[in-house]
Amino acid sequence: MNHFLKRIIPPNKWKFPVIIILGIFTGLFIYSFHISKATSYLSDNPQTCINCHIMVPQYATWNHSSHREFTSCNECHVPQDNFFSHYYFKAKDGLRHATIFTLRAEPQVIHIKEAGINVVQQNCIRCHEQLITSASKIMHNEDHQKNRESRLCWECHKEVPHGRVNSLSSTPNAFAPLPKSPVPKWLKEITKK
């Protein structure tokens, strides 16, 4: 072990520059972590989804739907079967989103991926199981039983819960809270002058 430490510790003349460089990279990492609001992605707060401005139409249409009273984005778009699959899916999907948005490669129209389709379908069935299976609660119960395996819920329920979200401009007057500016107050003061 002592031999290993000798190999990774720099010679005395390089210790100070190495400490400075490591400090700069550590500072940049912490700043990036803060500016990206990374800790917000651990929560189920729907406003987290609009950290990236491109999701504002989806947030706004959900916010004006009846689902807003009962669900958050994660309750529909993330697996709910167990803790590990929940956070694994969130991490995998979140890293994909972060990469796309960081590289400015987001599409004009957002389409759900195959993995997301499967998750949303399972969550629709999970939440509405009693409604789907109870003959006394639904008029077309046989249709639901027949189509449950062969069709997606939103093939019939097209505007639930997002309405018509076709592009970035599909909800031009929709309200969504603006994210807090990441620019520090001291820097704003300097640029005003």
Protein backbone atom coordinates (compact mmCIF):
# COMPACT_ATOMS: atom_id res chain seq x y z
CA MET A 1 0.00 0.00 0.00
CA ASN A 2 2.87 2.36 0.81
CA HIS A 3 4.25 1.85 -2.72
CA PHE A 4 0.85 2.83 -4.19
CA LEU A 5 0.75 6.08 -2.18
CA LYS A 6 4.26 7.01 -3.35
CA ARG A 7 3.10 6.65 -6.96
CA ILE A 8 0.04 8.93 -6.66
CA ILE A 9 1.51 11.65 -4.41
CA PRO A 10 3.24 14.23 -6.61
CA PRO A 11 6.82 15.38 -5.97
CA ASN A 12 7.20 18.37 -3.63
CA LYS A 13 7.62 20.90 -6.46
CA TRP A 14 4.25 19.81 -7.95
CA LYS A 15 2.20 19.62 -4.74
CA PHE A 16 1.06 23.27 -4.74
CA PRO A 17 0.00 23.37 -8.45
CA VAL A 18 -1.78 20.02 -8.08
CA ILE A 19 -3.68 21.29 -5.01
CA ILE A 20 -4.68 24.46 -6.92
CA ILE A 21 -5.86 22.47 -9.95
CA LEU A 22 -7.79 19.99 -7.79
CA GLY A 23 -9.34 22.93 -5.91
CA ILE A 24 -10.44 24.55 -9.20
CA PHE A 25 -12.00 21.32 -10.48
CA THR A 26 -13.69 20.67 -7.12
CA GLY A 27 -15.08 24.20 -7.12
CA LEU A 28 -16.34 23.86 -10.70
CA PHE A 29 -17.97 20.53 -9.83
CA ILE A 30 -19.71 22.00 -6.76
CA TYR A 31 -20.82 25.07 -8.74
CA SER A 32 -22.15 22.89 -11.59
CA PHE A 33 -23.97 20.72 -9.05
CA HIS A 34 -25.55 23.85 -7.51
CA ILE A 35 -26.40 25.64 -10.77
CA SER A 36 -28.03 22.52 -12.26
CA LYS A 37 -30.24 22.16 -9.15
CA ALA A 38 -29.10 18.54 -8.97
CA THR A 39 -30.60 17.92 -5.52
CA SER A 40 -34.07 18.91 -6.80
CA TYR A 41 -34.12 15.77 -8.95
CA LEU A 42 -34.25 13.61 -5.84
CA SER A 43 -37.69 15.01 -5.00
CA ASP A 44 -41.10 14.47 -6.59
CA ASN A 45 -41.81 18.20 -6.95
CA PRO A 46 -43.35 18.80 -10.41
CA GLN A 47 -41.56 22.15 -10.70
CA THR A 48 -38.33 20.17 -11.00
CA CYS A 49 -39.48 19.17 -14.49
CA ILE A 50 -39.32 22.78 -15.63
CA ASN A 51 -35.72 23.31 -14.54
CA CYS A 52 -35.24 22.88 -18.27
CA HIS A 53 -37.47 25.39 -20.02
CA ILE A 54 -38.44 22.95 -22.76
CA MET A 55 -40.80 21.08 -20.41
CA VAL A 56 -42.96 24.15 -19.67
CA PRO A 57 -45.82 23.09 -22.03
CA GLN A 58 -45.99 19.66 -20.38
CA TYR A 59 -45.93 21.23 -16.90
CA ALA A 60 -48.55 23.85 -17.79
CA THR A 61 -50.98 21.37 -19.35
CA TRP A 62 -50.59 18.95 -16.41
CA ASN A 63 -51.08 21.88 -14.01
CA HIS A 64 -54.43 22.66 -15.66
CA SER A 65 -55.62 19.03 -15.58
CA SER A 66 -57.53 17.05 -12.99
CA HIS A 67 -54.45 14.85 -12.48
CA ARG A 68 -52.71 17.77 -10.75
CA GLU A 69 -54.83 17.15 -7.65
CA PHE A 70 -53.74 13.52 -7.30
CA THR A 71 -50.38 12.94 -9.01
CA SER A 72 -47.00 14.42 -9.65
CA CYS A 73 -44.94 13.91 -12.81
CA ASN A 74 -43.00 11.07 -11.19
CA GLU A 75 -46.12 9.16 -10.21
CA CYS A 76 -46.91 8.69 -13.90
CA HIS A 77 -43.49 8.75 -15.55
CA VAL A 78 -41.37 6.73 -13.09
CA PRO A 79 -41.86 3.09 -12.00
CA GLN A 80 -43.62 2.75 -8.65
CA ASP A 81 -43.04 -0.96 -8.03
CA ASN A 82 -40.04 -0.58 -5.70
CA PHE A 83 -37.46 1.91 -4.41
CA PHE A 84 -34.57 0.62 -6.54
CA SER A 85 -36.33 0.57 -9.90
CA HIS A 86 -37.85 3.99 -9.08
CA TYR A 87 -34.50 5.69 -8.52
CA TYR A 88 -32.65 3.69 -11.18
CA PHE A 89 -35.17 4.80 -13.82
CA LYS A 90 -35.06 8.39 -12.55
CA ALA A 91 -31.25 8.43 -12.71
CA LYS A 92 -31.07 6.82 -16.15
CA ASP A 93 -33.75 9.06 -17.64
CA GLY A 94 -32.39 12.14 -15.87
CA LEU A 95 -28.87 11.60 -17.19
CA ARG A 96 -30.24 11.21 -20.70
CA HIS A 97 -32.24 14.44 -20.34
CA ALA A 98 -29.30 16.32 -18.82
CA THR A 99 -27.02 15.20 -21.65
CA ILE A 100 -29.51 16.23 -24.33
CA PHE A 101 -30.16 19.64 -22.76
CA THR A 102 -26.47 20.30 -22.03
CA LEU A 103 -25.56 19.54 -25.64
CA ARG A 104 -28.53 21.65 -26.83
CA ALA A 105 -29.82 18.67 -28.80
CA GLU A 106 -33.43 18.83 -27.61
CA PRO A 107 -36.02 18.28 -30.32
CA GLN A 108 -38.75 20.78 -31.21
CA VAL A 109 -41.36 18.12 -30.39
CA ILE A 110 -40.84 15.85 -27.40
CA HIS A 111 -41.90 12.23 -27.82
CA ILE A 112 -41.87 9.69 -25.03
CA LYS A 113 -39.39 6.80 -25.46
CA GLU A 114 -40.33 3.11 -25.38
CA ALA A 115 -39.22 2.62 -21.75
CA GLY A 116 -41.31 5.63 -20.73
CA ILE A 117 -44.34 4.36 -22.63
CA ASN A 118 -44.21 1.07 -20.71
CA VAL A 119 -43.88 2.88 -17.37
CA VAL A 120 -46.74 5.31 -18.02
CA GLN A 121 -49.01 2.48 -19.19
CA GLN A 122 -48.29 0.42 -16.06
CA ASN A 123 -48.91 3.45 -13.85
CA CYS A 124 -52.23 4.23 -15.58
CA ILE A 125 -53.36 0.67 -14.90
CA ARG A 126 -52.00 0.77 -11.31
CA CYS A 127 -53.90 3.95 -10.44
CA HIS A 128 -57.10 3.18 -12.31
CA GLU A 129 -57.24 -0.59 -11.65
CA GLN A 130 -60.44 -0.41 -9.63
CA LEU A 131 -62.12 1.81 -12.23
CA ILE A 132 -61.05 -0.45 -15.09
CA THR A 133 -62.12 -3.73 -13.46
CA SER A 134 -65.34 -2.68 -11.71
CA ALA A 135 -68.39 -3.32 -13.91
CA SER A 136 -70.52 -1.02 -11.79
CA LYS A 137 -68.16 1.94 -12.23
CA ILE A 138 -67.61 2.00 -15.96
CA MET A 139 -69.94 1.70 -18.90
CA HIS A 140 -67.58 0.04 -21.37
CA ASN A 141 -65.91 -2.36 -18.96
CA GLU A 142 -65.59 -5.16 -21.53
CA ASP A 143 -63.74 -2.83 -23.90
CA HIS A 144 -61.28 -1.96 -21.17
CA GLN A 145 -60.69 -5.59 -20.32
CA LYS A 146 -60.17 -6.51 -24.00
CA ASN A 147 -57.97 -3.55 -24.87
CA ARG A 148 -55.93 -3.40 -21.69
CA GLU A 149 -53.20 -5.61 -23.07
CA SER A 150 -53.35 -4.63 -26.73
CA ARG A 151 -53.72 -0.82 -26.58
CA LEU A 152 -52.25 2.08 -24.69
CA CYS A 153 -54.59 4.04 -22.43
CA TRP A 154 -53.90 7.31 -24.23
CA GLU A 155 -54.93 5.89 -27.60
CA CYS A 156 -58.49 6.57 -26.44
CA HIS A 157 -57.82 9.12 -23.70
CA LYS A 158 -55.72 11.33 -25.98
CA GLU A 159 -55.72 14.53 -23.97
CA VAL A 160 -55.15 13.12 -20.48
CA PRO A 161 -53.41 14.77 -18.64
CA HIS A 162 -51.37 16.93 -21.03
CA GLY A 163 -53.99 18.14 -23.48
CA ARG A 164 -52.62 18.98 -26.90
CA VAL A 165 -48.87 19.41 -26.50
CA ASN A 166 -47.44 19.27 -30.01
CA SER A 167 -44.54 21.70 -29.84
CA LEU A 168 -42.85 24.40 -27.83
CA SER A 169 -45.40 26.91 -29.10
CA SER A 170 -48.52 24.81 -28.46
CA THR A 171 -49.26 26.50 -25.13
CA PRO A 172 -48.08 30.09 -25.68
CA ASN A 173 -50.12 31.62 -22.85
CA ALA A 174 -49.69 28.84 -20.32
CA PHE A 175 -48.45 29.88 -16.92
CA ALA A 176 -45.49 28.16 -15.34
CA PRO A 177 -43.31 29.50 -12.53
CA LEU A 178 -40.06 31.00 -13.75
CA PRO A 179 -36.90 29.42 -12.39
CA LYS A 180 -34.83 31.57 -10.05
CA SER A 181 -31.89 33.26 -11.77
CA PRO A 182 -28.57 31.50 -11.17
CA VAL A 183 -26.69 34.84 -11.46
CA PRO A 184 -25.44 35.95 -8.02
CA LYS A 185 -26.65 39.35 -6.71
CA TRP A 186 -23.12 40.80 -6.64
CA LEU A 187 -22.69 40.04 -10.34
CA LYS A 188 -26.06 41.60 -11.19
CA GLU A 189 -24.98 44.77 -9.36
CA ILE A 190 -21.74 44.96 -11.33
CA THR A 191 -23.49 44.55 -14.68
CA LYS A 192 -26.08 47.26 -13.89
CA LYS A 193 -23.39 49.94 -13.83
